[in-house]
Amino acid sequence: MSEGYLVRVSSAEQPGMYWMFVTIPIDAPLKLLDDFLRETWLECCGHLSEFVIGSRTIFSRTESGILARQ
């Protein structure tokens, strides 16, 4: 069995109403999670994803298509 993370994914507007749990390998890039979410849950209109990891916020799908950190 390989190590990984259990991730709770939720809607920013209604985090208690819309959510799901996913597992992801410990060494997987956020792009893998972002692509999975776009295929299974999100619209196809180029919305910006936001990942919060500790005190860091990481946005995806910028105009250049590259993850942006804040």
C-alpha atoms as a PDB file:
ATOM      1  CA  MET A   1       0.000   0.000   0.000  1.00  0.00           C
ATOM      2  CA  SER A   2       1.406   3.417  -0.907  1.00  0.00           C
ATOM      3  CA  GLU A   3       1.155   6.513   1.269  1.00  0.00           C
ATOM      4  CA  GLY A   4      -1.232   9.293   0.379  1.00  0.00           C
ATOM      5  CA  TYR A   5      -3.554  12.003   1.587  1.00  0.00           C
ATOM      6  CA  LEU A   6      -7.261  11.940   2.312  1.00  0.00           C
ATOM      7  CA  VAL A   7      -8.533  15.271   0.991  1.00  0.00           C
ATOM      8  CA  ARG A   8     -11.871  16.901   1.740  1.00  0.00           C
ATOM      9  CA  VAL A   9     -12.997  18.946  -1.251  1.00  0.00           C
ATOM     10  CA  SER A  10     -15.795  21.467  -0.766  1.00  0.00           C
ATOM     11  CA  SER A  11     -17.539  24.393  -2.351  1.00  0.00           C
ATOM     12  CA  ALA A  12     -16.142  27.717  -1.160  1.00  0.00           C
ATOM     13  CA  GLU A  13     -19.621  29.238  -1.068  1.00  0.00           C
ATOM     14  CA  GLN A  14     -21.321  26.363   0.775  1.00  0.00           C
ATOM     15  CA  PRO A  15     -18.643  24.114   2.310  1.00  0.00           C
ATOM     16  CA  GLY A  16     -21.121  22.134   4.413  1.00  0.00           C
ATOM     17  CA  MET A  17     -23.533  21.444   1.561  1.00  0.00           C
ATOM     18  CA  TYR A  18     -21.298  20.349  -1.317  1.00  0.00           C
ATOM     19  CA  TRP A  19     -18.243  18.225  -0.550  1.00  0.00           C
ATOM     20  CA  MET A  20     -16.482  14.950  -1.287  1.00  0.00           C
ATOM     21  CA  PHE A  21     -13.512  13.017   0.026  1.00  0.00           C
ATOM     22  CA  VAL A  22     -10.786  11.849  -2.352  1.00  0.00           C
ATOM     23  CA  THR A  23      -7.459  10.131  -1.864  1.00  0.00           C
ATOM     24  CA  ILE A  24      -4.329  11.203  -3.677  1.00  0.00           C
ATOM     25  CA  PRO A  25      -0.792   9.759  -3.672  1.00  0.00           C
ATOM     26  CA  ILE A  26       1.611  11.615  -1.382  1.00  0.00           C
ATOM     27  CA  ASP A  27       3.894  12.573  -4.284  1.00  0.00           C
ATOM     28  CA  ALA A  28       1.164  13.630  -6.741  1.00  0.00           C
ATOM     29  CA  PRO A  29       1.175  17.219  -8.045  1.00  0.00           C
ATOM     30  CA  LEU A  30      -1.855  19.429  -7.369  1.00  0.00           C
ATOM     31  CA  LYS A  31      -2.494  19.430 -11.117  1.00  0.00           C
ATOM     32  CA  LEU A  32      -3.532  15.776 -10.826  1.00  0.00           C
ATOM     33  CA  LEU A  33      -6.142  16.684  -8.197  1.00  0.00           C
ATOM     34  CA  ASP A  34      -7.246  19.742 -10.178  1.00  0.00           C
ATOM     35  CA  ASP A  35      -7.683  17.680 -13.359  1.00  0.00           C
ATOM     36  CA  PHE A  36      -9.641  15.012 -11.459  1.00  0.00           C
ATOM     37  CA  LEU A  37     -11.981  17.619  -9.956  1.00  0.00           C
ATOM     38  CA  ARG A  38     -12.575  19.214 -13.356  1.00  0.00           C
ATOM     39  CA  GLU A  39     -13.496  15.841 -14.841  1.00  0.00           C
ATOM     40  CA  THR A  40     -15.811  14.768 -12.022  1.00  0.00           C
ATOM     41  CA  TRP A  41     -17.328  17.861 -10.451  1.00  0.00           C
ATOM     42  CA  LEU A  42     -16.496  21.283 -11.853  1.00  0.00           C
ATOM     43  CA  GLU A  43     -17.798  23.030 -14.915  1.00  0.00           C
ATOM     44  CA  CYS A  44     -15.757  23.204 -18.066  1.00  0.00           C
ATOM     45  CA  CYS A  45     -15.666  27.016 -18.174  1.00  0.00           C
ATOM     46  CA  GLY A  46     -12.139  27.585 -16.901  1.00  0.00           C
ATOM     47  CA  HIS A  47     -13.014  28.434 -13.309  1.00  0.00           C
ATOM     48  CA  LEU A  48     -10.100  29.055 -10.991  1.00  0.00           C
ATOM     49  CA  SER A  49      -9.458  26.340  -8.395  1.00  0.00           C
ATOM     50  CA  GLU A  50      -8.176  27.287  -4.957  1.00  0.00           C
ATOM     51  CA  PHE A  51      -6.208  24.922  -2.739  1.00  0.00           C
ATOM     52  CA  VAL A  52      -5.571  25.817   0.904  1.00  0.00           C
ATOM     53  CA  ILE A  53      -2.703  23.875   2.489  1.00  0.00           C
ATOM     54  CA  GLY A  54      -1.887  25.096   5.972  1.00  0.00           C
ATOM     55  CA  SER A  55      -1.277  28.833   5.634  1.00  0.00           C
ATOM     56  CA  ARG A  56      -0.646  28.685   1.863  1.00  0.00           C
ATOM     57  CA  THR A  57      -3.244  29.326  -0.813  1.00  0.00           C
ATOM     58  CA  ILE A  58      -2.577  28.005  -4.308  1.00  0.00           C
ATOM     59  CA  PHE A  59      -4.719  28.933  -7.332  1.00  0.00           C
ATOM     60  CA  SER A  60      -4.885  26.945 -10.553  1.00  0.00           C
ATOM     61  CA  ARG A  61      -5.738  27.593 -14.152  1.00  0.00           C
ATOM     62  CA  THR A  62      -4.351  31.076 -14.507  1.00  0.00           C
ATOM     63  CA  GLU A  63      -4.357  32.710 -17.916  1.00  0.00           C
ATOM     64  CA  SER A  64      -1.027  30.991 -18.590  1.00  0.00           C
ATOM     65  CA  GLY A  65      -2.417  27.632 -17.398  1.00  0.00           C
ATOM     66  CA  ILE A  66       0.134  27.413 -14.577  1.00  0.00           C
ATOM     67  CA  LEU A  67      -0.553  27.048 -10.867  1.00  0.00           C
ATOM     68  CA  ALA A  68      -0.141  30.386  -9.090  1.00  0.00           C
ATOM     69  CA  ARG A  69       0.838  30.642  -5.406  1.00  0.00           C
ATOM     70  CA  GLN A  70      -0.090  33.314  -2.889  1.00  0.00           C
END
